[in-house]
Amino acid sequence: MGSSFFESSNLQEIYVPASVREIGSIKDNDENDIDVYIYSDQIDDIEDLCCDARLIYVMPEAYGHYKELMDDIDTDAKLKKMPSEKLNFYQEYSVTEPEKSKVPKTVEPKAQTVESMTVAPPMPQIPQKSESIPTQATAAQAVKSPGNLFSDGLKELINSVAESDELTDKKKEIVLHRAIKEGEDPDEVEMVLEARFFEAHNK
């Protein structure tokens, strides 16, 4: 974040969020403006991130993208998938709209600290009543029974969606979001979901 972000010798971990947004600037101790940025999950220059950091956590679906970039860099930094408890690590921020002017948009952080000036990854919308899905599966813990590919809760959610009348994008988003939180490959989960839906409606 900013030109001085990488100068700290104490920097050990970096969490890369799932999206990027412009958040303006902040004042340093000398009242100078410092530009503040949020990195996206598709940045192409990862070398600066590896300068001082020991661990770099990225969103599970972006792991392959960063792995390819780091293979070309001589660094001791380790790349890891974002832990499920950190998926909602980033807080919301508010944007102040200038009144009837062409001044660029500015941002009012909730607190005057770098830690608070973060954003939350985009979350799938909650389905409407017409597309409601049983909550019992989504509330289940990520516990896998012997021989199961996915957790019991994720398996129940896949089956309940597959048996519905229509496989909408909104229902897919709910299943894939649950899969990402449990550290599963979203592409693999989507293929299983579509296969189960086909089986359920072609018996």
N, C-alpha and C. Protein backbone atom coordinates (compact mmCIF):
# COMPACT_ATOMS: atom_id res chain seq x y z
N MET A 1 0.85 -1.18 0.00
CA MET A 1 0.00 0.00 0.00
C MET A 1 0.89 1.23 0.00
N GLY A 2 0.91 1.98 -1.10
CA GLY A 2 1.71 3.17 -1.15
C GLY A 2 3.19 2.85 -1.36
N SER A 3 3.98 3.92 -1.60
CA SER A 3 5.39 3.71 -1.91
C SER A 3 6.19 3.25 -0.71
N SER A 4 5.72 3.54 0.52
CA SER A 4 6.48 3.16 1.71
C SER A 4 6.00 1.84 2.30
N PHE A 5 5.07 1.18 1.63
CA PHE A 5 4.49 -0.04 2.19
C PHE A 5 5.52 -1.14 2.35
N PHE A 6 6.48 -1.21 1.44
CA PHE A 6 7.44 -2.32 1.45
C PHE A 6 8.73 -1.99 2.19
N GLU A 7 8.82 -0.81 2.83
CA GLU A 7 10.05 -0.42 3.49
C GLU A 7 10.17 -0.97 4.90
N SER A 8 9.11 -1.55 5.41
CA SER A 8 9.13 -2.06 6.78
C SER A 8 9.87 -3.39 6.85
N SER A 9 10.88 -3.45 7.71
CA SER A 9 11.63 -4.70 7.87
C SER A 9 10.86 -5.72 8.69
N ASN A 10 9.76 -5.27 9.33
CA ASN A 10 8.98 -6.17 10.17
C ASN A 10 7.84 -6.84 9.41
N LEU A 11 7.69 -6.51 8.13
CA LEU A 11 6.60 -7.07 7.34
C LEU A 11 6.79 -8.57 7.17
N GLN A 12 5.83 -9.36 7.62
CA GLN A 12 5.96 -10.81 7.55
C GLN A 12 4.92 -11.44 6.63
N GLU A 13 3.69 -10.91 6.64
CA GLU A 13 2.61 -11.54 5.88
C GLU A 13 1.87 -10.49 5.06
N ILE A 14 1.42 -10.90 3.88
CA ILE A 14 0.60 -10.05 3.03
C ILE A 14 -0.64 -10.83 2.64
N TYR A 15 -1.82 -10.22 2.82
CA TYR A 15 -3.07 -10.83 2.39
C TYR A 15 -3.57 -10.06 1.17
N VAL A 16 -3.68 -10.75 0.04
CA VAL A 16 -4.10 -10.13 -1.21
C VAL A 16 -5.60 -10.37 -1.39
N PRO A 17 -6.42 -9.32 -1.40
CA PRO A 17 -7.87 -9.49 -1.49
C PRO A 17 -8.32 -9.95 -2.87
N ALA A 18 -9.62 -10.11 -3.02
CA ALA A 18 -10.16 -10.67 -4.26
C ALA A 18 -10.49 -9.62 -5.29
N SER A 19 -10.44 -8.34 -4.96
CA SER A 19 -10.78 -7.31 -5.92
C SER A 19 -9.94 -6.07 -5.66
N VAL A 20 -10.01 -5.12 -6.57
CA VAL A 20 -9.21 -3.90 -6.43
C VAL A 20 -10.12 -2.69 -6.58
N ARG A 21 -9.92 -1.69 -5.73
CA ARG A 21 -10.68 -0.45 -5.84
C ARG A 21 -9.79 0.73 -5.50
N GLU A 22 -10.10 1.87 -6.08
CA GLU A 22 -9.33 3.08 -5.81
C GLU A 22 -9.79 3.67 -4.49
N ILE A 23 -8.87 3.91 -3.55
CA ILE A 23 -9.30 4.44 -2.25
C ILE A 23 -8.65 5.77 -1.90
N GLY A 24 -8.03 6.45 -2.86
CA GLY A 24 -7.56 7.81 -2.64
C GLY A 24 -6.21 7.89 -1.96
N SER A 25 -6.08 8.82 -0.98
CA SER A 25 -4.80 9.04 -0.33
C SER A 25 -4.99 9.33 1.14
N ILE A 26 -3.89 9.26 1.90
CA ILE A 26 -3.91 9.58 3.32
C ILE A 26 -2.76 10.54 3.62
N LYS A 27 -2.79 11.17 4.81
CA LYS A 27 -1.73 12.09 5.22
C LYS A 27 -0.72 11.34 6.08
N ASP A 28 0.59 11.60 5.83
CA ASP A 28 1.60 11.03 6.71
C ASP A 28 1.88 11.99 7.86
N ASN A 29 2.90 11.70 8.66
CA ASN A 29 3.20 12.54 9.82
C ASN A 29 3.61 13.96 9.45
N ASP A 30 4.10 14.15 8.24
CA ASP A 30 4.51 15.48 7.78
C ASP A 30 3.42 16.15 6.96
N GLU A 31 2.20 15.62 7.05
CA GLU A 31 1.06 16.17 6.31
C GLU A 31 1.24 16.09 4.80
N ASN A 32 2.01 15.14 4.33
CA ASN A 32 2.15 14.91 2.89
C ASN A 32 1.15 13.86 2.44
N ASP A 33 0.64 14.02 1.22
CA ASP A 33 -0.31 13.06 0.68
C ASP A 33 0.42 11.79 0.24
N ILE A 34 -0.09 10.65 0.65
CA ILE A 34 0.46 9.36 0.23
C ILE A 34 -0.64 8.58 -0.47
N ASP A 35 -0.39 8.19 -1.71
CA ASP A 35 -1.38 7.40 -2.44
C ASP A 35 -1.53 6.03 -1.80
N VAL A 36 -2.76 5.57 -1.73
CA VAL A 36 -3.05 4.27 -1.12
C VAL A 36 -3.76 3.40 -2.15
N TYR A 37 -3.28 2.17 -2.31
CA TYR A 37 -3.83 1.26 -3.31
C TYR A 37 -4.24 -0.05 -2.65
N ILE A 38 -5.18 -0.74 -3.25
CA ILE A 38 -5.53 -2.11 -2.87
C ILE A 38 -5.20 -2.99 -4.07
N TYR A 39 -4.35 -3.99 -3.88
CA TYR A 39 -3.97 -4.88 -4.98
C TYR A 39 -5.11 -5.82 -5.33
N SER A 40 -5.20 -6.18 -6.61
CA SER A 40 -6.22 -7.11 -7.07
C SER A 40 -5.65 -8.53 -7.11
N ASP A 41 -6.50 -9.48 -7.44
CA ASP A 41 -6.04 -10.86 -7.53
C ASP A 41 -5.45 -11.17 -8.91
N GLN A 42 -5.29 -10.15 -9.75
CA GLN A 42 -4.72 -10.38 -11.07
C GLN A 42 -3.57 -9.43 -11.38
N ILE A 43 -2.85 -8.95 -10.34
CA ILE A 43 -1.69 -8.11 -10.61
C ILE A 43 -0.61 -8.97 -11.28
N ASP A 44 0.17 -8.34 -12.15
CA ASP A 44 1.18 -9.09 -12.90
C ASP A 44 2.58 -8.92 -12.32
N ASP A 45 2.79 -7.90 -11.49
CA ASP A 45 4.11 -7.67 -10.90
C ASP A 45 4.06 -8.04 -9.43
N ILE A 46 4.49 -9.24 -9.11
CA ILE A 46 4.43 -9.72 -7.73
C ILE A 46 5.78 -9.61 -7.04
N GLU A 47 6.80 -9.17 -7.78
CA GLU A 47 8.15 -9.15 -7.22
C GLU A 47 8.26 -8.23 -6.01
N ASP A 48 7.59 -7.04 -6.06
CA ASP A 48 7.63 -6.12 -4.93
C ASP A 48 7.01 -6.74 -3.69
N LEU A 49 5.97 -7.53 -3.88
CA LEU A 49 5.32 -8.17 -2.73
C LEU A 49 6.24 -9.16 -2.05
N CYS A 50 7.20 -9.69 -2.80
CA CYS A 50 8.09 -10.73 -2.26
C CYS A 50 9.35 -10.16 -1.61
N CYS A 51 9.54 -8.83 -1.67
CA CYS A 51 10.79 -8.25 -1.18
C CYS A 51 11.03 -8.52 0.30
N ASP A 52 10.04 -8.21 1.13
CA ASP A 52 10.22 -8.33 2.57
C ASP A 52 9.28 -9.35 3.22
N ALA A 53 8.26 -9.76 2.50
CA ALA A 53 7.25 -10.63 3.11
C ALA A 53 7.75 -12.07 3.22
N ARG A 54 7.35 -12.73 4.27
CA ARG A 54 7.68 -14.14 4.47
C ARG A 54 6.59 -15.03 3.87
N LEU A 55 5.33 -14.62 4.02
CA LEU A 55 4.19 -15.38 3.51
C LEU A 55 3.28 -14.45 2.73
N ILE A 56 2.77 -14.92 1.60
CA ILE A 56 1.81 -14.17 0.81
C ILE A 56 0.57 -15.04 0.65
N TYR A 57 -0.55 -14.58 1.21
CA TYR A 57 -1.81 -15.32 1.13
C TYR A 57 -2.66 -14.74 0.00
N VAL A 58 -3.18 -15.62 -0.86
CA VAL A 58 -4.03 -15.18 -1.96
C VAL A 58 -5.32 -15.98 -1.96
N MET A 59 -6.33 -15.46 -2.67
CA MET A 59 -7.61 -16.16 -2.75
C MET A 59 -7.40 -17.51 -3.44
N PRO A 60 -8.08 -18.56 -2.99
CA PRO A 60 -7.87 -19.90 -3.55
C PRO A 60 -7.99 -19.96 -5.07
N GLU A 61 -8.98 -19.22 -5.63
CA GLU A 61 -9.18 -19.29 -7.07
C GLU A 61 -8.09 -18.56 -7.85
N ALA A 62 -7.26 -17.74 -7.16
CA ALA A 62 -6.18 -17.01 -7.83
C ALA A 62 -4.82 -17.64 -7.56
N TYR A 63 -4.79 -18.77 -6.85
CA TYR A 63 -3.51 -19.38 -6.46
C TYR A 63 -2.66 -19.75 -7.68
N GLY A 64 -3.27 -20.35 -8.69
CA GLY A 64 -2.53 -20.75 -9.88
C GLY A 64 -1.90 -19.57 -10.59
N HIS A 65 -2.64 -18.45 -10.65
CA HIS A 65 -2.13 -17.24 -11.30
C HIS A 65 -0.85 -16.76 -10.62
N TYR A 66 -0.87 -16.68 -9.28
CA TYR A 66 0.31 -16.21 -8.55
C TYR A 66 1.44 -17.23 -8.56
N LYS A 67 1.10 -18.51 -8.56
CA LYS A 67 2.12 -19.56 -8.56
C LYS A 67 2.98 -19.45 -9.82
N GLU A 68 2.33 -19.20 -10.97
CA GLU A 68 3.09 -19.05 -12.21
C GLU A 68 4.02 -17.84 -12.16
N LEU A 69 3.55 -16.74 -11.55
CA LEU A 69 4.38 -15.54 -11.45
C LEU A 69 5.58 -15.77 -10.54
N MET A 70 5.36 -16.45 -9.42
CA MET A 70 6.43 -16.66 -8.45
C MET A 70 7.47 -17.67 -8.92
N ASP A 71 7.08 -18.54 -9.85
CA ASP A 71 8.04 -19.51 -10.38
C ASP A 71 9.18 -18.82 -11.13
N ASP A 72 8.92 -17.58 -11.60
CA ASP A 72 9.93 -16.85 -12.36
C ASP A 72 10.72 -15.88 -11.49
N ILE A 73 10.50 -15.91 -10.18
CA ILE A 73 11.15 -14.95 -9.27
C ILE A 73 12.03 -15.69 -8.28
N ASP A 74 13.22 -15.16 -8.03
CA ASP A 74 14.13 -15.72 -7.03
C ASP A 74 13.77 -15.12 -5.68
N THR A 75 12.99 -15.81 -4.88
CA THR A 75 12.51 -15.28 -3.61
C THR A 75 12.34 -16.40 -2.60
N ASP A 76 12.45 -16.03 -1.32
CA ASP A 76 12.22 -16.99 -0.24
C ASP A 76 10.79 -16.92 0.27
N ALA A 77 10.01 -15.97 -0.26
CA ALA A 77 8.62 -15.84 0.17
C ALA A 77 7.83 -17.08 -0.22
N LYS A 78 6.89 -17.45 0.62
CA LYS A 78 6.04 -18.62 0.38
C LYS A 78 4.64 -18.17 0.00
N LEU A 79 4.06 -18.84 -0.98
CA LEU A 79 2.70 -18.54 -1.44
C LEU A 79 1.74 -19.54 -0.82
N LYS A 80 0.66 -19.05 -0.21
CA LYS A 80 -0.32 -19.93 0.41
C LYS A 80 -1.74 -19.46 0.07
N LYS A 81 -2.67 -20.41 0.14
CA LYS A 81 -4.08 -20.07 -0.09
C LYS A 81 -4.63 -19.37 1.15
N MET A 82 -5.52 -18.42 0.92
CA MET A 82 -6.12 -17.65 2.01
C MET A 82 -6.90 -18.58 2.94
N PRO A 83 -6.62 -18.56 4.26
CA PRO A 83 -7.39 -19.38 5.20
C PRO A 83 -8.86 -18.96 5.18
N SER A 84 -9.75 -19.89 5.43
CA SER A 84 -11.19 -19.60 5.36
C SER A 84 -11.59 -18.50 6.34
N GLU A 85 -10.92 -18.44 7.51
CA GLU A 85 -11.30 -17.42 8.49
C GLU A 85 -10.85 -16.02 8.07
N LYS A 86 -10.00 -15.93 7.03
CA LYS A 86 -9.52 -14.64 6.56
C LYS A 86 -10.25 -14.16 5.30
N LEU A 87 -11.20 -14.96 4.79
CA LEU A 87 -11.87 -14.58 3.55
C LEU A 87 -12.67 -13.30 3.72
N ASN A 88 -13.12 -13.01 4.95
CA ASN A 88 -13.85 -11.78 5.23
C ASN A 88 -12.98 -10.81 6.04
N PHE A 89 -11.66 -10.88 5.86
CA PHE A 89 -10.70 -10.08 6.63
C PHE A 89 -10.85 -8.60 6.35
N TYR A 90 -11.24 -8.26 5.11
CA TYR A 90 -11.27 -6.87 4.71
C TYR A 90 -12.61 -6.22 5.02
N GLN A 91 -12.56 -5.03 5.62
CA GLN A 91 -13.76 -4.31 6.01
C GLN A 91 -14.23 -3.42 4.87
N GLU A 92 -15.49 -2.96 5.00
CA GLU A 92 -16.04 -2.06 4.00
C GLU A 92 -15.48 -0.65 4.21
N TYR A 93 -15.51 0.18 3.18
CA TYR A 93 -15.15 1.58 3.30
C TYR A 93 -16.24 2.40 2.63
N SER A 94 -16.35 3.68 3.00
CA SER A 94 -17.40 4.52 2.45
C SER A 94 -16.81 5.52 1.46
N VAL A 95 -17.59 5.86 0.45
CA VAL A 95 -17.15 6.79 -0.58
C VAL A 95 -17.96 8.06 -0.49
N THR A 96 -17.28 9.22 -0.45
CA THR A 96 -17.95 10.51 -0.40
C THR A 96 -18.11 11.05 -1.81
N GLU A 97 -19.34 11.30 -2.24
CA GLU A 97 -19.59 11.81 -3.58
C GLU A 97 -19.49 13.34 -3.57
N PRO A 98 -18.61 13.95 -4.39
CA PRO A 98 -18.54 15.42 -4.49
C PRO A 98 -19.85 15.96 -5.06
N GLU A 99 -20.37 17.05 -4.50
CA GLU A 99 -21.65 17.60 -4.93
C GLU A 99 -21.47 18.52 -6.13
N LYS A 100 -22.05 18.13 -7.26
CA LYS A 100 -22.08 18.93 -8.48
C LYS A 100 -20.71 19.47 -8.87
N SER A 101 -19.72 18.63 -8.88
CA SER A 101 -18.38 19.05 -9.29
C SER A 101 -17.71 17.92 -10.03
N LYS A 102 -16.59 18.22 -10.65
CA LYS A 102 -15.85 17.21 -11.38
C LYS A 102 -14.64 16.73 -10.60
N VAL A 103 -14.63 17.00 -9.29
CA VAL A 103 -13.54 16.55 -8.44
C VAL A 103 -13.57 15.04 -8.34
N PRO A 104 -12.42 14.34 -8.46
CA PRO A 104 -12.40 12.87 -8.36
C PRO A 104 -13.01 12.41 -7.05
N LYS A 105 -13.58 11.22 -7.07
CA LYS A 105 -14.19 10.65 -5.88
C LYS A 105 -13.16 10.49 -4.77
N THR A 106 -13.59 10.77 -3.54
CA THR A 106 -12.73 10.59 -2.38
C THR A 106 -13.34 9.57 -1.45
N VAL A 107 -12.55 9.12 -0.49
CA VAL A 107 -12.98 8.05 0.40
C VAL A 107 -12.79 8.48 1.84
N GLU A 108 -13.74 8.16 2.71
CA GLU A 108 -13.61 8.40 4.13
C GLU A 108 -13.48 7.07 4.83
N PRO A 109 -12.25 6.69 5.24
CA PRO A 109 -12.08 5.42 5.96
C PRO A 109 -12.79 5.48 7.29
N LYS A 110 -13.15 4.32 7.82
CA LYS A 110 -13.80 4.26 9.12
C LYS A 110 -12.86 4.69 10.23
N ALA A 111 -11.57 4.47 10.07
CA ALA A 111 -10.59 4.88 11.08
C ALA A 111 -9.34 5.35 10.35
N GLN A 112 -8.53 6.17 11.02
CA GLN A 112 -7.33 6.71 10.39
C GLN A 112 -6.14 5.77 10.54
N THR A 113 -6.32 4.50 10.28
CA THR A 113 -5.24 3.53 10.33
C THR A 113 -5.22 2.75 9.05
N VAL A 114 -4.02 2.31 8.65
CA VAL A 114 -3.90 1.54 7.41
C VAL A 114 -4.65 0.24 7.52
N GLU A 115 -4.67 -0.37 8.74
CA GLU A 115 -5.32 -1.66 8.91
C GLU A 115 -6.81 -1.58 8.58
N SER A 116 -7.45 -0.41 8.89
CA SER A 116 -8.89 -0.31 8.68
C SER A 116 -9.25 0.03 7.26
N MET A 117 -8.28 0.51 6.44
CA MET A 117 -8.58 0.93 5.08
C MET A 117 -8.48 -0.25 4.14
N THR A 118 -9.41 -1.20 4.29
CA THR A 118 -9.40 -2.40 3.48
C THR A 118 -10.79 -2.66 2.96
N VAL A 119 -10.90 -3.54 1.99
CA VAL A 119 -12.19 -3.83 1.37
C VAL A 119 -12.50 -5.30 1.46
N ALA A 120 -13.77 -5.61 1.46
CA ALA A 120 -14.20 -7.01 1.55
C ALA A 120 -14.34 -7.59 0.15
N PRO A 121 -13.95 -8.86 -0.04
CA PRO A 121 -14.15 -9.51 -1.33
C PRO A 121 -15.63 -9.54 -1.69
N PRO A 122 -15.96 -9.43 -2.99
CA PRO A 122 -17.37 -9.48 -3.40
C PRO A 122 -18.03 -10.77 -2.93
N MET A 123 -19.23 -10.64 -2.39
CA MET A 123 -19.96 -11.79 -1.88
C MET A 123 -21.18 -12.05 -2.76
N PRO A 124 -21.52 -13.29 -3.01
CA PRO A 124 -22.73 -13.59 -3.81
C PRO A 124 -23.97 -13.12 -3.09
N GLN A 125 -24.98 -12.69 -3.86
CA GLN A 125 -26.22 -12.22 -3.28
C GLN A 125 -27.02 -13.38 -2.70
N ILE A 126 -27.81 -13.05 -1.66
CA ILE A 126 -28.67 -14.06 -1.05
C ILE A 126 -29.84 -14.33 -2.00
N PRO A 127 -30.19 -15.57 -2.25
CA PRO A 127 -31.29 -15.87 -3.18
C PRO A 127 -32.61 -15.32 -2.70
N GLN A 128 -33.48 -14.92 -3.66
CA GLN A 128 -34.82 -14.47 -3.33
C GLN A 128 -35.68 -15.66 -2.89
N LYS A 129 -36.88 -15.35 -2.39
CA LYS A 129 -37.76 -16.40 -1.89
C LYS A 129 -38.08 -17.43 -2.96
N SER A 130 -38.16 -16.95 -4.23
CA SER A 130 -38.50 -17.87 -5.31
C SER A 130 -37.38 -18.85 -5.61
N GLU A 131 -36.17 -18.51 -5.14
CA GLU A 131 -35.04 -19.40 -5.37
C GLU A 131 -34.39 -19.80 -4.06
N SER A 132 -35.19 -19.94 -3.03
CA SER A 132 -34.65 -20.28 -1.71
C SER A 132 -34.10 -21.69 -1.70
N ILE A 133 -33.07 -21.89 -0.91
CA ILE A 133 -32.41 -23.18 -0.81
C ILE A 133 -32.37 -23.57 0.65
N PRO A 134 -32.57 -24.82 1.00
CA PRO A 134 -32.57 -25.24 2.40
C PRO A 134 -31.32 -24.76 3.11
N THR A 135 -31.48 -24.18 4.29
CA THR A 135 -30.35 -23.62 5.04
C THR A 135 -29.63 -24.68 5.84
N GLN A 136 -30.20 -25.85 6.00
CA GLN A 136 -29.57 -26.90 6.80
C GLN A 136 -28.21 -27.28 6.23
N ALA A 137 -28.12 -27.33 4.88
CA ALA A 137 -26.86 -27.73 4.27
C ALA A 137 -25.81 -26.65 4.42
N THR A 138 -26.21 -25.36 4.24
CA THR A 138 -25.24 -24.28 4.30
C THR A 138 -24.75 -24.05 5.70
N ALA A 139 -25.50 -24.45 6.71
CA ALA A 139 -25.09 -24.23 8.08
C ALA A 139 -24.22 -25.36 8.60
N ALA A 140 -24.10 -26.45 7.83
CA ALA A 140 -23.35 -27.61 8.30
C ALA A 140 -21.87 -27.31 8.36
N GLN A 141 -21.20 -27.99 9.27
CA GLN A 141 -19.76 -27.83 9.39
C GLN A 141 -19.04 -28.56 8.25
N ALA A 142 -17.82 -28.10 7.97
CA ALA A 142 -17.03 -28.71 6.89
C ALA A 142 -16.40 -30.00 7.37
N VAL A 143 -17.24 -31.01 7.58
CA VAL A 143 -16.77 -32.31 8.06
C VAL A 143 -16.98 -33.34 6.95
N LYS A 144 -15.93 -34.06 6.58
CA LYS A 144 -16.02 -35.05 5.52
C LYS A 144 -16.20 -36.44 6.12
N SER A 145 -17.19 -37.15 5.61
CA SER A 145 -17.36 -38.54 5.98
C SER A 145 -16.36 -39.38 5.20
N PRO A 146 -15.99 -40.55 5.71
CA PRO A 146 -15.03 -41.41 5.00
C PRO A 146 -15.49 -41.70 3.57
N GLY A 147 -14.61 -41.50 2.60
CA GLY A 147 -14.93 -41.80 1.21
C GLY A 147 -15.58 -40.66 0.46
N ASN A 148 -15.96 -39.57 1.14
CA ASN A 148 -16.61 -38.44 0.47
C ASN A 148 -15.57 -37.51 -0.13
N LEU A 149 -15.88 -36.98 -1.34
CA LEU A 149 -14.99 -36.05 -2.01
C LEU A 149 -15.02 -34.68 -1.33
N PHE A 150 -16.24 -34.26 -0.90
CA PHE A 150 -16.41 -32.97 -0.25
C PHE A 150 -16.94 -33.17 1.16
N SER A 151 -17.04 -32.07 1.91
CA SER A 151 -17.60 -32.13 3.25
C SER A 151 -19.07 -32.52 3.18
N ASP A 152 -19.59 -33.02 4.31
CA ASP A 152 -21.00 -33.42 4.34
C ASP A 152 -21.91 -32.24 4.02
N GLY A 153 -21.58 -31.06 4.58
CA GLY A 153 -22.42 -29.89 4.35
C GLY A 153 -22.43 -29.47 2.89
N LEU A 154 -21.24 -29.46 2.26
CA LEU A 154 -21.16 -29.06 0.86
C LEU A 154 -21.84 -30.09 -0.03
N LYS A 155 -21.71 -31.38 0.31
CA LYS A 155 -22.36 -32.42 -0.47
C LYS A 155 -23.88 -32.27 -0.41
N GLU A 156 -24.42 -31.99 0.79
CA GLU A 156 -25.87 -31.81 0.93
C GLU A 156 -26.35 -30.60 0.13
N LEU A 157 -25.55 -29.52 0.15
CA LEU A 157 -25.93 -28.32 -0.60
C LEU A 157 -25.94 -28.60 -2.10
N ILE A 158 -24.94 -29.32 -2.60
CA ILE A 158 -24.89 -29.68 -4.02
C ILE A 158 -26.11 -30.51 -4.41
N ASN A 159 -26.45 -31.50 -3.58
CA ASN A 159 -27.59 -32.37 -3.89
C ASN A 159 -28.90 -31.60 -3.88
N SER A 160 -29.07 -30.68 -2.90
CA SER A 160 -30.33 -29.94 -2.81
C SER A 160 -30.51 -29.02 -4.01
N VAL A 161 -29.41 -28.40 -4.47
CA VAL A 161 -29.49 -27.52 -5.63
C VAL A 161 -29.72 -28.34 -6.90
N ALA A 162 -29.06 -29.50 -7.00
CA ALA A 162 -29.20 -30.35 -8.18
C ALA A 162 -30.63 -30.86 -8.35
N GLU A 163 -31.35 -31.02 -7.25
CA GLU A 163 -32.72 -31.53 -7.32
C GLU A 163 -33.75 -30.43 -7.55
N SER A 164 -33.32 -29.17 -7.56
CA SER A 164 -34.26 -28.08 -7.81
C SER A 164 -34.67 -28.07 -9.28
N ASP A 165 -35.73 -27.32 -9.59
CA ASP A 165 -36.27 -27.31 -10.95
C ASP A 165 -35.34 -26.66 -11.96
N GLU A 166 -34.57 -25.67 -11.51
CA GLU A 166 -33.72 -24.93 -12.45
C GLU A 166 -32.39 -24.62 -11.79
N LEU A 167 -31.29 -24.77 -12.54
CA LEU A 167 -29.95 -24.48 -12.02
C LEU A 167 -29.56 -23.07 -12.46
N THR A 168 -29.92 -22.08 -11.66
CA THR A 168 -29.65 -20.68 -12.01
C THR A 168 -28.24 -20.28 -11.61
N ASP A 169 -27.79 -19.15 -12.18
CA ASP A 169 -26.45 -18.64 -11.83
C ASP A 169 -26.37 -18.28 -10.35
N LYS A 170 -27.47 -17.78 -9.81
CA LYS A 170 -27.48 -17.38 -8.40
C LYS A 170 -27.28 -18.59 -7.49
N LYS A 171 -27.91 -19.71 -7.84
CA LYS A 171 -27.75 -20.93 -7.04
C LYS A 171 -26.31 -21.45 -7.16
N LYS A 172 -25.75 -21.35 -8.38
CA LYS A 172 -24.35 -21.77 -8.56
C LYS A 172 -23.42 -20.94 -7.67
N GLU A 173 -23.68 -19.63 -7.61
CA GLU A 173 -22.82 -18.75 -6.81
C GLU A 173 -22.83 -19.15 -5.34
N ILE A 174 -23.99 -19.55 -4.85
CA ILE A 174 -24.09 -19.95 -3.44
C ILE A 174 -23.25 -21.19 -3.19
N VAL A 175 -23.34 -22.17 -4.09
CA VAL A 175 -22.57 -23.41 -3.93
C VAL A 175 -21.08 -23.13 -4.05
N LEU A 176 -20.68 -22.33 -5.04
CA LEU A 176 -19.26 -22.06 -5.26
C LEU A 176 -18.66 -21.23 -4.13
N HIS A 177 -19.44 -20.33 -3.57
CA HIS A 177 -18.95 -19.56 -2.43
C HIS A 177 -18.68 -20.47 -1.23
N ARG A 178 -19.59 -21.43 -1.00
CA ARG A 178 -19.38 -22.39 0.09
C ARG A 178 -18.13 -23.23 -0.18
N ALA A 179 -17.94 -23.62 -1.44
CA ALA A 179 -16.78 -24.44 -1.80
C ALA A 179 -15.48 -23.69 -1.55
N ILE A 180 -15.44 -22.40 -1.93
CA ILE A 180 -14.23 -21.60 -1.73
C ILE A 180 -13.93 -21.44 -0.25
N LYS A 181 -14.95 -21.22 0.57
CA LYS A 181 -14.74 -21.08 2.01
C LYS A 181 -14.16 -22.34 2.62
N GLU A 182 -14.46 -23.50 2.02
CA GLU A 182 -13.94 -24.76 2.54
C GLU A 182 -12.63 -25.16 1.85
N GLY A 183 -12.11 -24.30 0.97
CA GLY A 183 -10.83 -24.57 0.33
C GLY A 183 -10.90 -25.53 -0.83
N GLU A 184 -12.11 -25.75 -1.38
CA GLU A 184 -12.25 -26.66 -2.52
C GLU A 184 -12.03 -25.90 -3.83
N ASP A 185 -11.72 -26.66 -4.89
CA ASP A 185 -11.55 -26.10 -6.23
C ASP A 185 -12.92 -25.76 -6.80
N PRO A 186 -13.23 -24.46 -7.06
CA PRO A 186 -14.57 -24.10 -7.53
C PRO A 186 -14.91 -24.72 -8.89
N ASP A 187 -13.92 -24.87 -9.77
CA ASP A 187 -14.19 -25.48 -11.08
C ASP A 187 -14.62 -26.94 -10.92
N GLU A 188 -13.95 -27.65 -10.04
CA GLU A 188 -14.30 -29.06 -9.80
C GLU A 188 -15.69 -29.17 -9.19
N VAL A 189 -15.99 -28.28 -8.24
CA VAL A 189 -17.31 -28.31 -7.60
C VAL A 189 -18.40 -28.00 -8.61
N GLU A 190 -18.15 -27.03 -9.52
CA GLU A 190 -19.15 -26.68 -10.52
C GLU A 190 -19.43 -27.85 -11.46
N MET A 191 -18.39 -28.58 -11.85
CA MET A 191 -18.58 -29.74 -12.72
C MET A 191 -19.42 -30.82 -12.02
N VAL A 192 -19.14 -31.05 -10.74
CA VAL A 192 -19.90 -32.04 -9.98
C VAL A 192 -21.36 -31.60 -9.87
N LEU A 193 -21.58 -30.31 -9.60
CA LEU A 193 -22.94 -29.79 -9.47
C LEU A 193 -23.73 -29.98 -10.76
N GLU A 194 -23.12 -29.64 -11.90
CA GLU A 194 -23.82 -29.77 -13.18
C GLU A 194 -24.09 -31.24 -13.50
N ALA A 195 -23.15 -32.11 -13.15
CA ALA A 195 -23.36 -33.54 -13.40
C ALA A 195 -24.50 -34.08 -12.54
N ARG A 196 -24.57 -33.67 -11.27
CA ARG A 196 -25.65 -34.12 -10.39
C ARG A 196 -27.00 -33.60 -10.87
N PHE A 197 -27.02 -32.36 -11.36
CA PHE A 197 -28.26 -31.78 -11.86
C PHE A 197 -28.74 -32.56 -13.08
N PHE A 198 -27.81 -32.92 -13.98
CA PHE A 198 -28.17 -33.68 -15.18
C PHE A 198 -28.72 -35.05 -14.79
N GLU A 199 -28.07 -35.71 -13.83
CA GLU A 199 -28.53 -37.03 -13.39
C GLU A 199 -29.92 -36.95 -12.76
N ALA A 200 -30.14 -35.91 -11.95
CA ALA A 200 -31.41 -35.79 -11.24
C ALA A 200 -32.59 -35.54 -12.19
N HIS A 201 -32.32 -34.94 -13.34
CA HIS A 201 -33.41 -34.58 -14.26
C HIS A 201 -33.44 -35.46 -15.51
N ASN A 202 -32.65 -36.50 -15.54
CA ASN A 202 -32.66 -37.42 -16.68
C ASN A 202 -32.70 -38.87 -16.22
N LYS A 203 -33.43 -39.12 -15.15
CA LYS A 203 -33.57 -40.50 -14.65
C LYS A 203 -34.58 -41.26 -15.50
